[in-house]
Structure formats: C-alpha cells, structure tokens
Amino acid sequence: MSYDTPPPPPPQYGGSPYGSPQPAPKSSSKSTWALVSGILGILCCGPLGIVAIVLGRQAQKEGQPGGMAKAAEILGYIAVGLMVVEIILYATNR
C-alpha cells in the first residue's frame, strides 16, 4: 500500500491570497457635522436643517465617499419642511 504526500496546510486566517484589504474610506468631519445637525434639526430645532443642507452639499462637492453627506442633506430637507409646516400651523392658530 502506498501513501501520497499529504496536502499542504490551509492558508492562515486573516490573510488574503490577493493582498491586503483596502482600508475603508474616511468620512470628513463636515459630513459628520451635517448628519448631526440634520438629526437635531428633525428632533428639536428646525433651522439646523438649513445647516445640514449646506454642510451636506459642501461635503458632496468635496467628493466625500459614502452616503453620510447625502443622508444629511435629505434630513435637512425634511427638517426644513417640518419647520415650514410648524410655521403655517402656528400662523393659522391650529
């Protein structure tokens, strides 16, 4: 009875045969602040929605990867829309 040579050991975990993985793209502080102001604009202070829109657009023009800037801009539009509805309801005493 003859035996073949044993198979090679499996590759080490954590390593990739195709090279090291690319690091995740860093988000800018501008897009982070835009997202924070968009969330706060919806929750408590409508004019912060304007800040979220401006900062979100600036971060997108700078070419920031990811969707934080776009999400901040959308939250800003929602906050401004809610603020307009509040003003209309306040003006009509409803």
Protein backbone atom coordinates (compact mmCIF):
# COMPACT_ATOMS: atom_id res chain seq x y z
CA MET A 1 0.00 0.00 0.00
CA SER A 2 1.45 3.36 -0.96
CA TYR A 3 0.61 6.72 0.50
CA ASP A 4 0.59 10.01 -1.36
CA THR A 5 2.20 13.11 0.04
CA PRO A 6 -0.02 15.00 2.49
CA PRO A 7 -1.88 18.08 1.23
CA PRO A 8 -0.40 21.49 2.02
CA PRO A 9 -1.65 23.22 5.18
CA PRO A 10 -4.61 25.58 4.84
CA PRO A 11 -3.88 29.30 4.50
CA GLN A 12 -3.65 31.33 7.68
CA TYR A 13 -6.81 33.13 8.71
CA GLY A 14 -6.73 36.91 8.47
CA GLY A 15 -4.57 36.93 5.37
CA SER A 16 -5.83 37.16 1.86
CA PRO A 17 -4.15 35.40 -1.06
CA TYR A 18 -4.92 38.51 -3.14
CA GLY A 19 -3.13 41.00 -0.93
CA SER A 20 -4.20 43.09 2.00
CA PRO A 21 -7.72 44.55 2.02
CA GLN A 22 -8.16 48.20 1.25
CA PRO A 23 -8.93 50.40 4.26
CA ALA A 24 -12.40 51.87 4.50
CA PRO A 25 -12.63 55.45 3.23
CA LYS A 26 -12.60 58.05 5.97
CA SER A 27 -15.56 60.37 6.22
CA SER A 28 -14.91 64.03 6.70
CA SER A 29 -15.87 65.96 9.77
CA LYS A 30 -18.03 68.14 7.55
CA SER A 31 -20.28 65.23 6.61
CA THR A 32 -20.39 64.09 10.24
CA TRP A 33 -21.49 67.52 11.43
CA ALA A 34 -24.01 67.70 8.61
CA LEU A 35 -25.55 64.43 9.73
CA VAL A 36 -25.63 65.52 13.38
CA SER A 37 -27.28 68.83 12.51
CA GLY A 38 -29.79 67.06 10.26
CA ILE A 39 -30.81 64.72 13.06
CA LEU A 40 -31.06 67.56 15.57
CA GLY A 41 -32.98 69.61 13.01
CA ILE A 42 -35.66 66.95 12.85
CA LEU A 43 -35.76 66.31 16.59
CA CYS A 44 -35.80 69.77 18.09
CA CYS A 45 -34.55 72.73 16.08
CA GLY A 46 -35.74 73.23 12.52
CA PRO A 47 -33.19 75.88 11.43
CA LEU A 48 -30.42 73.33 11.91
CA GLY A 49 -31.86 71.65 8.83
CA ILE A 50 -30.51 74.55 6.76
CA VAL A 51 -27.06 73.94 8.25
CA ALA A 52 -27.37 70.25 7.37
CA ILE A 53 -28.26 71.06 3.77
CA VAL A 54 -25.34 73.46 3.34
CA LEU A 55 -22.76 71.20 5.00
CA GLY A 56 -24.07 68.13 3.18
CA ARG A 57 -23.74 69.81 -0.20
CA GLN A 58 -20.24 71.06 0.60
CA ALA A 59 -19.14 67.59 1.65
CA GLN A 60 -20.56 66.10 -1.54
CA LYS A 61 -18.76 68.70 -3.68
CA GLU A 62 -15.51 67.79 -1.93
CA GLY A 63 -16.08 64.24 -3.14
CA GLN A 64 -16.55 62.55 0.21
CA PRO A 65 -17.30 58.84 -0.24
CA GLY A 66 -20.26 57.15 1.35
CA GLY A 67 -23.78 58.29 1.95
CA MET A 68 -23.42 60.36 5.11
CA ALA A 69 -23.46 63.69 3.25
CA LYS A 70 -26.45 62.67 1.13
CA ALA A 71 -28.35 61.40 4.18
CA ALA A 72 -27.61 64.66 5.99
CA GLU A 73 -28.92 66.67 3.07
CA ILE A 74 -32.14 64.63 2.96
CA LEU A 75 -32.61 65.00 6.73
CA GLY A 76 -32.05 68.73 6.31
CA TYR A 77 -34.81 68.96 3.71
CA ILE A 78 -37.16 67.04 5.99
CA ALA A 79 -36.31 69.31 8.94
CA VAL A 80 -36.93 72.46 6.87
CA GLY A 81 -40.21 71.01 5.59
CA LEU A 82 -41.37 70.26 9.12
CA MET A 83 -40.36 73.76 10.21
CA VAL A 84 -42.45 75.28 7.40
CA VAL A 85 -45.44 73.15 8.41
CA GLU A 86 -45.00 74.27 12.04
CA ILE A 87 -44.90 77.93 11.00
CA ILE A 88 -48.03 77.53 8.90
CA LEU A 89 -49.89 75.76 11.71
CA TYR A 90 -48.76 78.40 14.21
CA ALA A 91 -49.84 81.24 11.89
CA THR A 92 -53.29 79.75 11.39
CA ASN A 93 -53.76 79.04 15.13
CA ARG A 94 -54.29 75.32 14.68
